[in-house]
Amino acid sequence: MEQRPPRLSLVRILWTDYPAFYAALAPLVSLIVYLAWTPDWRGHGAVISPEARPFFTTLAIVAASGGLLALAWRLLFLYKVFRRGIQIKGKISTASLKRDRGRVEYTYIFEHKEYFSGAEIHRNAQTKQLKVGDHVILMVDPINPMNAFIRDLYTRP
C-alpha cells in the first residue's frame, strides 16, 4: 500500500514559516497603509496628496504583487518538497529562537550521505519545544536533498 504524502496546512505554514509569513504580510500592510493615507480622515487633508496618489497607488500594487508572488513561490516550493519528499529521521543540531523568530538546523542521512539543512521559523508553542538533540521526522526532497523541512511544523496534526 502506497503511503500518501502528509497534507500541508496553510495556517501552520503561515504561523511557522518565517518567509511565508512576511510574504503574506506585504500585501496586507501595503493595502492598509494605502487605505489609511488616501482618504481625508484627519480633517486637514489626506496624508497622500492627490498629486502623489498615482505614485503611491503603483507602489502599493507593486508591494502587494511582490508579496503575493513571493508567497506563491514559497507555497509551491513547500508543496513540491512535501509531495515528492521522502520521510527521513533527522536530529536537531541547532535551535535558536530570539524574540519572535529563529532558526532551526538539522542533520540527516540520505542515500548514505550526511546532510545539513535548516529553516527560518517563527516562535510559537510548537517551535519553542524544539531542542538540540531532538529526533524529528523530515521531509527531504530526493531531487535536491539539501531541501528538507520538519514535517510536523508544516502539516496538519
N, C-alpha and C. Protein backbone atom coordinates (compact mmCIF):
# COMPACT_ATOMS: atom_id res chain seq x y z
N MET A 1 0.85 -1.18 0.00
CA MET A 1 0.00 0.00 0.00
C MET A 1 0.89 1.24 0.00
N GLU A 2 0.62 2.13 -0.90
CA GLU A 2 1.43 3.35 -1.02
C GLU A 2 1.02 4.36 0.04
N GLN A 3 2.04 4.95 0.66
CA GLN A 3 1.77 5.94 1.71
C GLN A 3 1.55 7.30 1.07
N ARG A 4 0.46 7.97 1.46
CA ARG A 4 0.16 9.29 0.93
C ARG A 4 1.05 10.32 1.61
N PRO A 5 1.46 11.34 0.86
CA PRO A 5 2.28 12.38 1.49
C PRO A 5 1.46 13.14 2.52
N PRO A 6 2.11 13.65 3.57
CA PRO A 6 1.38 14.41 4.58
C PRO A 6 0.76 15.67 3.96
N ARG A 7 -0.40 16.06 4.48
CA ARG A 7 -1.10 17.23 3.93
C ARG A 7 -0.61 18.51 4.59
N LEU A 8 -0.16 19.42 3.77
CA LEU A 8 0.29 20.71 4.27
C LEU A 8 -0.89 21.51 4.81
N SER A 9 -0.62 22.36 5.78
CA SER A 9 -1.63 23.23 6.36
C SER A 9 -1.20 24.67 6.12
N LEU A 10 -2.02 25.43 5.41
CA LEU A 10 -1.70 26.83 5.14
C LEU A 10 -1.55 27.61 6.44
N VAL A 11 -2.41 27.34 7.40
CA VAL A 11 -2.34 28.04 8.68
C VAL A 11 -1.00 27.74 9.37
N ARG A 12 -0.60 26.47 9.39
CA ARG A 12 0.67 26.11 10.02
C ARG A 12 1.85 26.71 9.27
N ILE A 13 1.79 26.73 7.95
CA ILE A 13 2.88 27.32 7.18
C ILE A 13 3.02 28.79 7.53
N LEU A 14 1.91 29.52 7.51
CA LEU A 14 1.98 30.95 7.80
C LEU A 14 2.36 31.22 9.26
N TRP A 15 1.98 30.33 10.16
CA TRP A 15 2.26 30.52 11.58
C TRP A 15 3.70 30.15 11.93
N THR A 16 4.30 29.26 11.16
CA THR A 16 5.63 28.74 11.48
C THR A 16 6.72 29.25 10.56
N ASP A 17 6.45 29.27 9.25
CA ASP A 17 7.48 29.58 8.26
C ASP A 17 7.68 31.09 8.14
N TYR A 18 8.84 31.55 8.54
CA TYR A 18 9.13 32.98 8.56
C TYR A 18 9.01 33.64 7.18
N PRO A 19 9.62 33.08 6.13
CA PRO A 19 9.49 33.72 4.81
C PRO A 19 8.05 33.78 4.32
N ALA A 20 7.28 32.73 4.53
CA ALA A 20 5.89 32.73 4.06
C ALA A 20 5.06 33.77 4.81
N PHE A 21 5.28 33.90 6.11
CA PHE A 21 4.53 34.86 6.90
C PHE A 21 4.77 36.29 6.39
N TYR A 22 6.01 36.65 6.18
CA TYR A 22 6.28 38.02 5.74
C TYR A 22 5.89 38.27 4.30
N ALA A 23 5.91 37.24 3.47
CA ALA A 23 5.40 37.40 2.11
C ALA A 23 3.90 37.65 2.14
N ALA A 24 3.19 37.00 3.05
CA ALA A 24 1.75 37.20 3.18
C ALA A 24 1.43 38.55 3.81
N LEU A 25 2.33 39.04 4.63
CA LEU A 25 2.11 40.31 5.31
C LEU A 25 2.26 41.52 4.38
N ALA A 26 3.10 41.42 3.37
CA ALA A 26 3.37 42.56 2.48
C ALA A 26 2.11 43.09 1.79
N PRO A 27 1.28 42.25 1.18
CA PRO A 27 0.08 42.81 0.54
C PRO A 27 -0.88 43.44 1.55
N LEU A 28 -1.00 42.81 2.69
CA LEU A 28 -1.91 43.32 3.72
C LEU A 28 -1.45 44.69 4.22
N VAL A 29 -0.19 44.82 4.54
CA VAL A 29 0.34 46.09 5.05
C VAL A 29 0.25 47.19 3.99
N SER A 30 0.60 46.86 2.74
CA SER A 30 0.54 47.88 1.70
C SER A 30 -0.89 48.37 1.48
N LEU A 31 -1.85 47.47 1.55
CA LEU A 31 -3.25 47.86 1.40
C LEU A 31 -3.72 48.72 2.57
N ILE A 32 -3.37 48.32 3.78
CA ILE A 32 -3.78 49.08 4.96
C ILE A 32 -3.18 50.48 4.94
N VAL A 33 -1.90 50.57 4.62
CA VAL A 33 -1.24 51.89 4.59
C VAL A 33 -1.87 52.76 3.50
N TYR A 34 -2.08 52.19 2.34
CA TYR A 34 -2.67 52.97 1.26
C TYR A 34 -4.07 53.45 1.62
N LEU A 35 -4.90 52.55 2.16
CA LEU A 35 -6.27 52.94 2.51
C LEU A 35 -6.32 53.90 3.69
N ALA A 36 -5.34 53.83 4.58
CA ALA A 36 -5.32 54.74 5.73
C ALA A 36 -4.83 56.13 5.33
N TRP A 37 -3.95 56.21 4.35
CA TRP A 37 -3.36 57.50 4.00
C TRP A 37 -4.07 58.22 2.86
N THR A 38 -4.90 57.53 2.12
CA THR A 38 -5.54 58.16 0.96
C THR A 38 -6.73 59.04 1.32
N PRO A 39 -7.67 58.59 2.15
CA PRO A 39 -8.82 59.47 2.46
C PRO A 39 -8.46 60.59 3.44
N ASP A 40 -9.36 61.53 3.54
CA ASP A 40 -9.17 62.66 4.44
C ASP A 40 -9.79 62.32 5.79
N TRP A 41 -9.10 61.48 6.57
CA TRP A 41 -9.59 61.07 7.88
C TRP A 41 -9.35 62.14 8.94
N ARG A 42 -8.31 62.94 8.75
CA ARG A 42 -7.88 63.86 9.80
C ARG A 42 -8.60 65.20 9.76
N GLY A 43 -9.25 65.50 8.64
CA GLY A 43 -9.91 66.80 8.51
C GLY A 43 -8.97 67.89 8.01
N HIS A 44 -7.69 67.56 7.85
CA HIS A 44 -6.71 68.52 7.33
C HIS A 44 -6.21 68.10 5.95
N GLY A 45 -6.91 67.21 5.33
CA GLY A 45 -6.47 66.68 4.03
C GLY A 45 -5.84 65.32 4.22
N ALA A 46 -5.80 64.59 3.12
CA ALA A 46 -5.24 63.24 3.15
C ALA A 46 -3.74 63.30 3.38
N VAL A 47 -3.18 62.26 3.97
CA VAL A 47 -1.73 62.18 4.16
C VAL A 47 -1.05 62.14 2.80
N ILE A 48 -1.62 61.40 1.86
CA ILE A 48 -1.10 61.36 0.50
C ILE A 48 -1.85 62.40 -0.31
N SER A 49 -1.12 63.34 -0.85
CA SER A 49 -1.77 64.40 -1.64
C SER A 49 -2.32 63.82 -2.94
N PRO A 50 -3.33 64.46 -3.51
CA PRO A 50 -3.91 63.95 -4.76
C PRO A 50 -2.89 63.83 -5.89
N GLU A 51 -1.88 64.71 -5.90
CA GLU A 51 -0.86 64.67 -6.95
C GLU A 51 0.04 63.44 -6.81
N ALA A 52 0.23 62.98 -5.59
CA ALA A 52 1.12 61.84 -5.33
C ALA A 52 0.39 60.50 -5.35
N ARG A 53 -0.92 60.51 -5.46
CA ARG A 53 -1.67 59.26 -5.40
C ARG A 53 -1.29 58.24 -6.48
N PRO A 54 -1.08 58.66 -7.73
CA PRO A 54 -0.68 57.65 -8.74
C PRO A 54 0.62 56.92 -8.35
N PHE A 55 1.57 57.66 -7.82
CA PHE A 55 2.83 57.03 -7.39
C PHE A 55 2.59 56.03 -6.26
N PHE A 56 1.85 56.44 -5.25
CA PHE A 56 1.60 55.55 -4.11
C PHE A 56 0.66 54.40 -4.46
N THR A 57 -0.24 54.63 -5.41
CA THR A 57 -1.08 53.53 -5.88
C THR A 57 -0.21 52.48 -6.55
N THR A 58 0.69 52.92 -7.41
CA THR A 58 1.62 52.00 -8.07
C THR A 58 2.49 51.29 -7.05
N LEU A 59 2.99 52.03 -6.08
CA LEU A 59 3.82 51.43 -5.04
C LEU A 59 3.06 50.36 -4.25
N ALA A 60 1.82 50.63 -3.91
CA ALA A 60 1.00 49.65 -3.19
C ALA A 60 0.75 48.42 -4.04
N ILE A 61 0.48 48.60 -5.32
CA ILE A 61 0.24 47.47 -6.22
C ILE A 61 1.50 46.63 -6.38
N VAL A 62 2.64 47.29 -6.53
CA VAL A 62 3.91 46.56 -6.67
C VAL A 62 4.24 45.79 -5.39
N ALA A 63 4.07 46.41 -4.23
CA ALA A 63 4.35 45.74 -2.96
C ALA A 63 3.41 44.55 -2.76
N ALA A 64 2.13 44.75 -3.03
CA ALA A 64 1.16 43.66 -2.87
C ALA A 64 1.45 42.53 -3.84
N SER A 65 1.73 42.88 -5.09
CA SER A 65 2.03 41.85 -6.09
C SER A 65 3.31 41.10 -5.74
N GLY A 66 4.32 41.82 -5.31
CA GLY A 66 5.58 41.18 -4.92
C GLY A 66 5.39 40.22 -3.76
N GLY A 67 4.63 40.64 -2.77
CA GLY A 67 4.35 39.76 -1.62
C GLY A 67 3.56 38.53 -2.03
N LEU A 68 2.56 38.71 -2.88
CA LEU A 68 1.76 37.57 -3.32
C LEU A 68 2.58 36.60 -4.17
N LEU A 69 3.45 37.15 -5.03
CA LEU A 69 4.32 36.28 -5.83
C LEU A 69 5.30 35.52 -4.95
N ALA A 70 5.89 36.20 -3.98
CA ALA A 70 6.82 35.53 -3.06
C ALA A 70 6.11 34.45 -2.26
N LEU A 71 4.89 34.73 -1.81
CA LEU A 71 4.12 33.74 -1.07
C LEU A 71 3.78 32.55 -1.97
N ALA A 72 3.35 32.82 -3.18
CA ALA A 72 3.02 31.73 -4.11
C ALA A 72 4.25 30.87 -4.38
N TRP A 73 5.40 31.50 -4.58
CA TRP A 73 6.63 30.74 -4.82
C TRP A 73 6.97 29.88 -3.61
N ARG A 74 6.88 30.43 -2.42
CA ARG A 74 7.22 29.68 -1.22
C ARG A 74 6.25 28.51 -1.01
N LEU A 75 4.96 28.74 -1.21
CA LEU A 75 3.98 27.67 -1.06
C LEU A 75 4.19 26.57 -2.09
N LEU A 76 4.49 26.96 -3.33
CA LEU A 76 4.76 25.99 -4.38
C LEU A 76 6.02 25.18 -4.05
N PHE A 77 7.04 25.85 -3.56
CA PHE A 77 8.29 25.19 -3.17
C PHE A 77 8.02 24.16 -2.07
N LEU A 78 7.30 24.56 -1.02
CA LEU A 78 6.97 23.64 0.06
C LEU A 78 6.10 22.49 -0.43
N TYR A 79 5.13 22.80 -1.28
CA TYR A 79 4.26 21.77 -1.82
C TYR A 79 5.06 20.73 -2.59
N LYS A 80 6.01 21.18 -3.41
CA LYS A 80 6.83 20.24 -4.19
C LYS A 80 7.68 19.35 -3.27
N VAL A 81 8.29 19.96 -2.28
CA VAL A 81 9.12 19.18 -1.36
C VAL A 81 8.27 18.14 -0.63
N PHE A 82 7.10 18.53 -0.15
CA PHE A 82 6.26 17.60 0.60
C PHE A 82 5.58 16.57 -0.31
N ARG A 83 5.27 16.93 -1.54
CA ARG A 83 4.62 16.00 -2.46
C ARG A 83 5.57 14.88 -2.89
N ARG A 84 6.77 15.24 -3.26
CA ARG A 84 7.71 14.21 -3.71
C ARG A 84 8.72 13.80 -2.64
N GLY A 85 8.60 14.40 -1.47
CA GLY A 85 9.57 14.18 -0.41
C GLY A 85 9.52 12.78 0.19
N ILE A 86 10.63 12.45 0.80
CA ILE A 86 10.77 11.18 1.49
C ILE A 86 10.91 11.49 2.98
N GLN A 87 10.19 10.73 3.80
CA GLN A 87 10.27 10.94 5.24
C GLN A 87 11.52 10.26 5.77
N ILE A 88 12.34 11.04 6.46
CA ILE A 88 13.61 10.56 7.00
C ILE A 88 13.75 11.08 8.43
N LYS A 89 14.35 10.26 9.27
CA LYS A 89 14.64 10.72 10.63
C LYS A 89 15.85 11.65 10.59
N GLY A 90 15.74 12.72 11.36
CA GLY A 90 16.83 13.67 11.47
C GLY A 90 17.04 14.06 12.91
N LYS A 91 18.09 14.82 13.14
CA LYS A 91 18.42 15.24 14.50
C LYS A 91 18.67 16.74 14.49
N ILE A 92 18.07 17.45 15.43
CA ILE A 92 18.24 18.90 15.51
C ILE A 92 19.65 19.20 16.02
N SER A 93 20.37 20.00 15.25
CA SER A 93 21.73 20.36 15.64
C SER A 93 21.79 21.76 16.23
N THR A 94 20.87 22.63 15.83
CA THR A 94 20.80 23.99 16.36
C THR A 94 19.34 24.41 16.42
N ALA A 95 18.96 25.03 17.52
CA ALA A 95 17.62 25.58 17.65
C ALA A 95 17.75 26.89 18.42
N SER A 96 17.70 27.98 17.69
CA SER A 96 17.84 29.27 18.37
C SER A 96 16.63 30.14 18.04
N LEU A 97 15.99 30.61 19.09
CA LEU A 97 14.84 31.50 18.96
C LEU A 97 15.16 32.80 19.67
N LYS A 98 14.99 33.90 18.96
CA LYS A 98 15.18 35.23 19.54
C LYS A 98 13.93 36.03 19.25
N ARG A 99 13.38 36.59 20.28
CA ARG A 99 12.14 37.36 20.16
C ARG A 99 11.06 36.55 19.47
N ASP A 100 10.66 36.99 18.25
CA ASP A 100 9.55 36.33 17.57
C ASP A 100 9.97 35.34 16.50
N ARG A 101 11.27 35.18 16.28
CA ARG A 101 11.72 34.30 15.21
C ARG A 101 13.00 33.58 15.59
N GLY A 102 13.42 32.71 14.71
CA GLY A 102 14.65 31.98 14.97
C GLY A 102 15.01 31.08 13.81
N ARG A 103 15.93 30.20 14.07
CA ARG A 103 16.38 29.26 13.05
C ARG A 103 16.57 27.90 13.70
N VAL A 104 16.15 26.88 12.98
CA VAL A 104 16.38 25.50 13.41
C VAL A 104 17.19 24.82 12.30
N GLU A 105 18.22 24.10 12.72
CA GLU A 105 19.05 23.36 11.76
C GLU A 105 19.08 21.90 12.18
N TYR A 106 19.20 21.04 11.20
CA TYR A 106 19.15 19.61 11.48
C TYR A 106 20.09 18.86 10.55
N THR A 107 20.47 17.68 11.01
CA THR A 107 21.32 16.79 10.21
C THR A 107 20.53 15.52 9.92
N TYR A 108 20.84 14.90 8.82
CA TYR A 108 20.17 13.68 8.43
C TYR A 108 21.02 12.94 7.40
N ILE A 109 20.73 11.68 7.24
CA ILE A 109 21.46 10.86 6.28
C ILE A 109 20.48 10.44 5.19
N PHE A 110 20.86 10.75 3.95
CA PHE A 110 20.06 10.40 2.79
C PHE A 110 20.99 9.73 1.78
N GLU A 111 20.65 8.53 1.38
CA GLU A 111 21.44 7.75 0.44
C GLU A 111 22.91 7.69 0.85
N HIS A 112 23.14 7.34 2.10
CA HIS A 112 24.47 7.12 2.68
C HIS A 112 25.34 8.37 2.71
N LYS A 113 24.73 9.53 2.66
CA LYS A 113 25.47 10.79 2.73
C LYS A 113 24.82 11.68 3.79
N GLU A 114 25.65 12.33 4.59
CA GLU A 114 25.12 13.20 5.64
C GLU A 114 24.86 14.60 5.08
N TYR A 115 23.70 15.14 5.44
CA TYR A 115 23.30 16.48 5.00
C TYR A 115 22.98 17.35 6.21
N PHE A 116 23.13 18.64 6.00
CA PHE A 116 22.76 19.65 6.99
C PHE A 116 21.80 20.60 6.29
N SER A 117 20.71 20.90 6.96
CA SER A 117 19.74 21.84 6.40
C SER A 117 19.10 22.60 7.55
N GLY A 118 18.24 23.55 7.22
CA GLY A 118 17.59 24.32 8.27
C GLY A 118 16.46 25.16 7.72
N ALA A 119 15.79 25.86 8.62
CA ALA A 119 14.66 26.70 8.23
C ALA A 119 14.55 27.89 9.17
N GLU A 120 14.11 29.01 8.61
CA GLU A 120 13.78 30.19 9.41
C GLU A 120 12.35 30.00 9.91
N ILE A 121 12.18 30.14 11.21
CA ILE A 121 10.89 29.85 11.81
C ILE A 121 10.43 30.98 12.72
N HIS A 122 9.13 31.00 12.96
CA HIS A 122 8.54 31.90 13.94
C HIS A 122 8.54 31.22 15.30
N ARG A 123 8.62 32.01 16.32
CA ARG A 123 8.50 31.48 17.68
C ARG A 123 7.02 31.25 17.96
N ASN A 124 6.68 30.02 18.26
CA ASN A 124 5.32 29.68 18.67
C ASN A 124 5.41 28.47 19.59
N ALA A 125 4.28 28.00 20.07
CA ALA A 125 4.28 26.91 21.04
C ALA A 125 4.99 25.68 20.49
N GLN A 126 4.81 25.41 19.22
CA GLN A 126 5.41 24.22 18.63
C GLN A 126 6.93 24.38 18.44
N THR A 127 7.37 25.54 17.98
CA THR A 127 8.81 25.71 17.73
C THR A 127 9.60 25.90 19.02
N LYS A 128 8.93 26.38 20.08
CA LYS A 128 9.63 26.53 21.36
C LYS A 128 10.01 25.18 21.95
N GLN A 129 9.35 24.12 21.54
CA GLN A 129 9.64 22.79 22.06
C GLN A 129 10.84 22.14 21.38
N LEU A 130 11.33 22.70 20.29
CA LEU A 130 12.45 22.10 19.58
C LEU A 130 13.74 22.32 20.37
N LYS A 131 14.43 21.23 20.64
CA LYS A 131 15.67 21.28 21.42
C LYS A 131 16.79 20.58 20.66
N VAL A 132 18.01 21.05 20.86
CA VAL A 132 19.17 20.41 20.26
C VAL A 132 19.22 18.95 20.72
N GLY A 133 19.43 18.07 19.76
CA GLY A 133 19.49 16.65 20.06
C GLY A 133 18.18 15.92 19.85
N ASP A 134 17.06 16.64 19.71
CA ASP A 134 15.77 16.00 19.46
C ASP A 134 15.79 15.30 18.10
N HIS A 135 15.11 14.17 18.04
CA HIS A 135 14.93 13.47 16.77
C HIS A 135 13.60 13.90 16.18
N VAL A 136 13.61 14.21 14.90
CA VAL A 136 12.41 14.68 14.21
C VAL A 136 12.27 13.94 12.88
N ILE A 137 11.06 13.97 12.34
CA ILE A 137 10.81 13.42 11.02
C ILE A 137 10.91 14.57 10.02
N LEU A 138 11.75 14.38 9.02
CA LEU A 138 11.97 15.40 7.99
C LEU A 138 11.35 14.94 6.68
N MET A 139 10.92 15.91 5.89
CA MET A 139 10.53 15.65 4.52
C MET A 139 11.70 16.13 3.67
N VAL A 140 12.35 15.21 2.99
CA VAL A 140 13.55 15.51 2.21
C VAL A 140 13.23 15.35 0.73
N ASP A 141 13.60 16.36 -0.05
CA ASP A 141 13.40 16.32 -1.49
C ASP A 141 14.46 15.40 -2.10
N PRO A 142 14.06 14.29 -2.74
CA PRO A 142 15.05 13.37 -3.29
C PRO A 142 15.81 13.95 -4.47
N ILE A 143 15.24 14.95 -5.14
CA ILE A 143 15.93 15.56 -6.27
C ILE A 143 17.02 16.51 -5.78
N ASN A 144 16.74 17.23 -4.71
CA ASN A 144 17.73 18.12 -4.09
C ASN A 144 17.68 17.88 -2.58
N PRO A 145 18.46 16.92 -2.08
CA PRO A 145 18.38 16.54 -0.67
C PRO A 145 18.73 17.65 0.33
N MET A 146 19.26 18.76 -0.14
CA MET A 146 19.51 19.89 0.77
C MET A 146 18.20 20.55 1.20
N ASN A 147 17.13 20.33 0.45
CA ASN A 147 15.83 20.87 0.79
C ASN A 147 15.11 19.89 1.71
N ALA A 148 15.02 20.25 2.97
CA ALA A 148 14.37 19.40 3.95
C ALA A 148 13.67 20.27 4.99
N PHE A 149 12.52 19.79 5.45
CA PHE A 149 11.75 20.53 6.43
C PHE A 149 11.22 19.57 7.48
N ILE A 150 11.06 20.07 8.70
CA ILE A 150 10.49 19.26 9.77
C ILE A 150 9.01 19.07 9.47
N ARG A 151 8.62 17.83 9.24
CA ARG A 151 7.27 17.51 8.78
C ARG A 151 6.18 18.11 9.67
N ASP A 152 6.28 17.94 10.96
CA ASP A 152 5.19 18.32 11.86
C ASP A 152 5.01 19.82 12.03
N LEU A 153 5.96 20.62 11.59
CA LEU A 153 5.80 22.07 11.66
C LEU A 153 4.92 22.61 10.54
N TYR A 154 4.76 21.85 9.47
CA TYR A 154 4.08 22.33 8.27
C TYR A 154 2.80 21.57 7.92
N THR A 155 2.55 20.48 8.62
CA THR A 155 1.42 19.63 8.24
C THR A 155 0.32 19.65 9.30
N ARG A 156 -0.83 19.16 8.90
CA ARG A 156 -1.97 19.06 9.81
C ARG A 156 -1.69 17.99 10.85
N PRO A 157 -2.14 18.22 12.08
CA PRO A 157 -1.90 17.20 13.12
C PRO A 157 -2.68 15.93 12.88
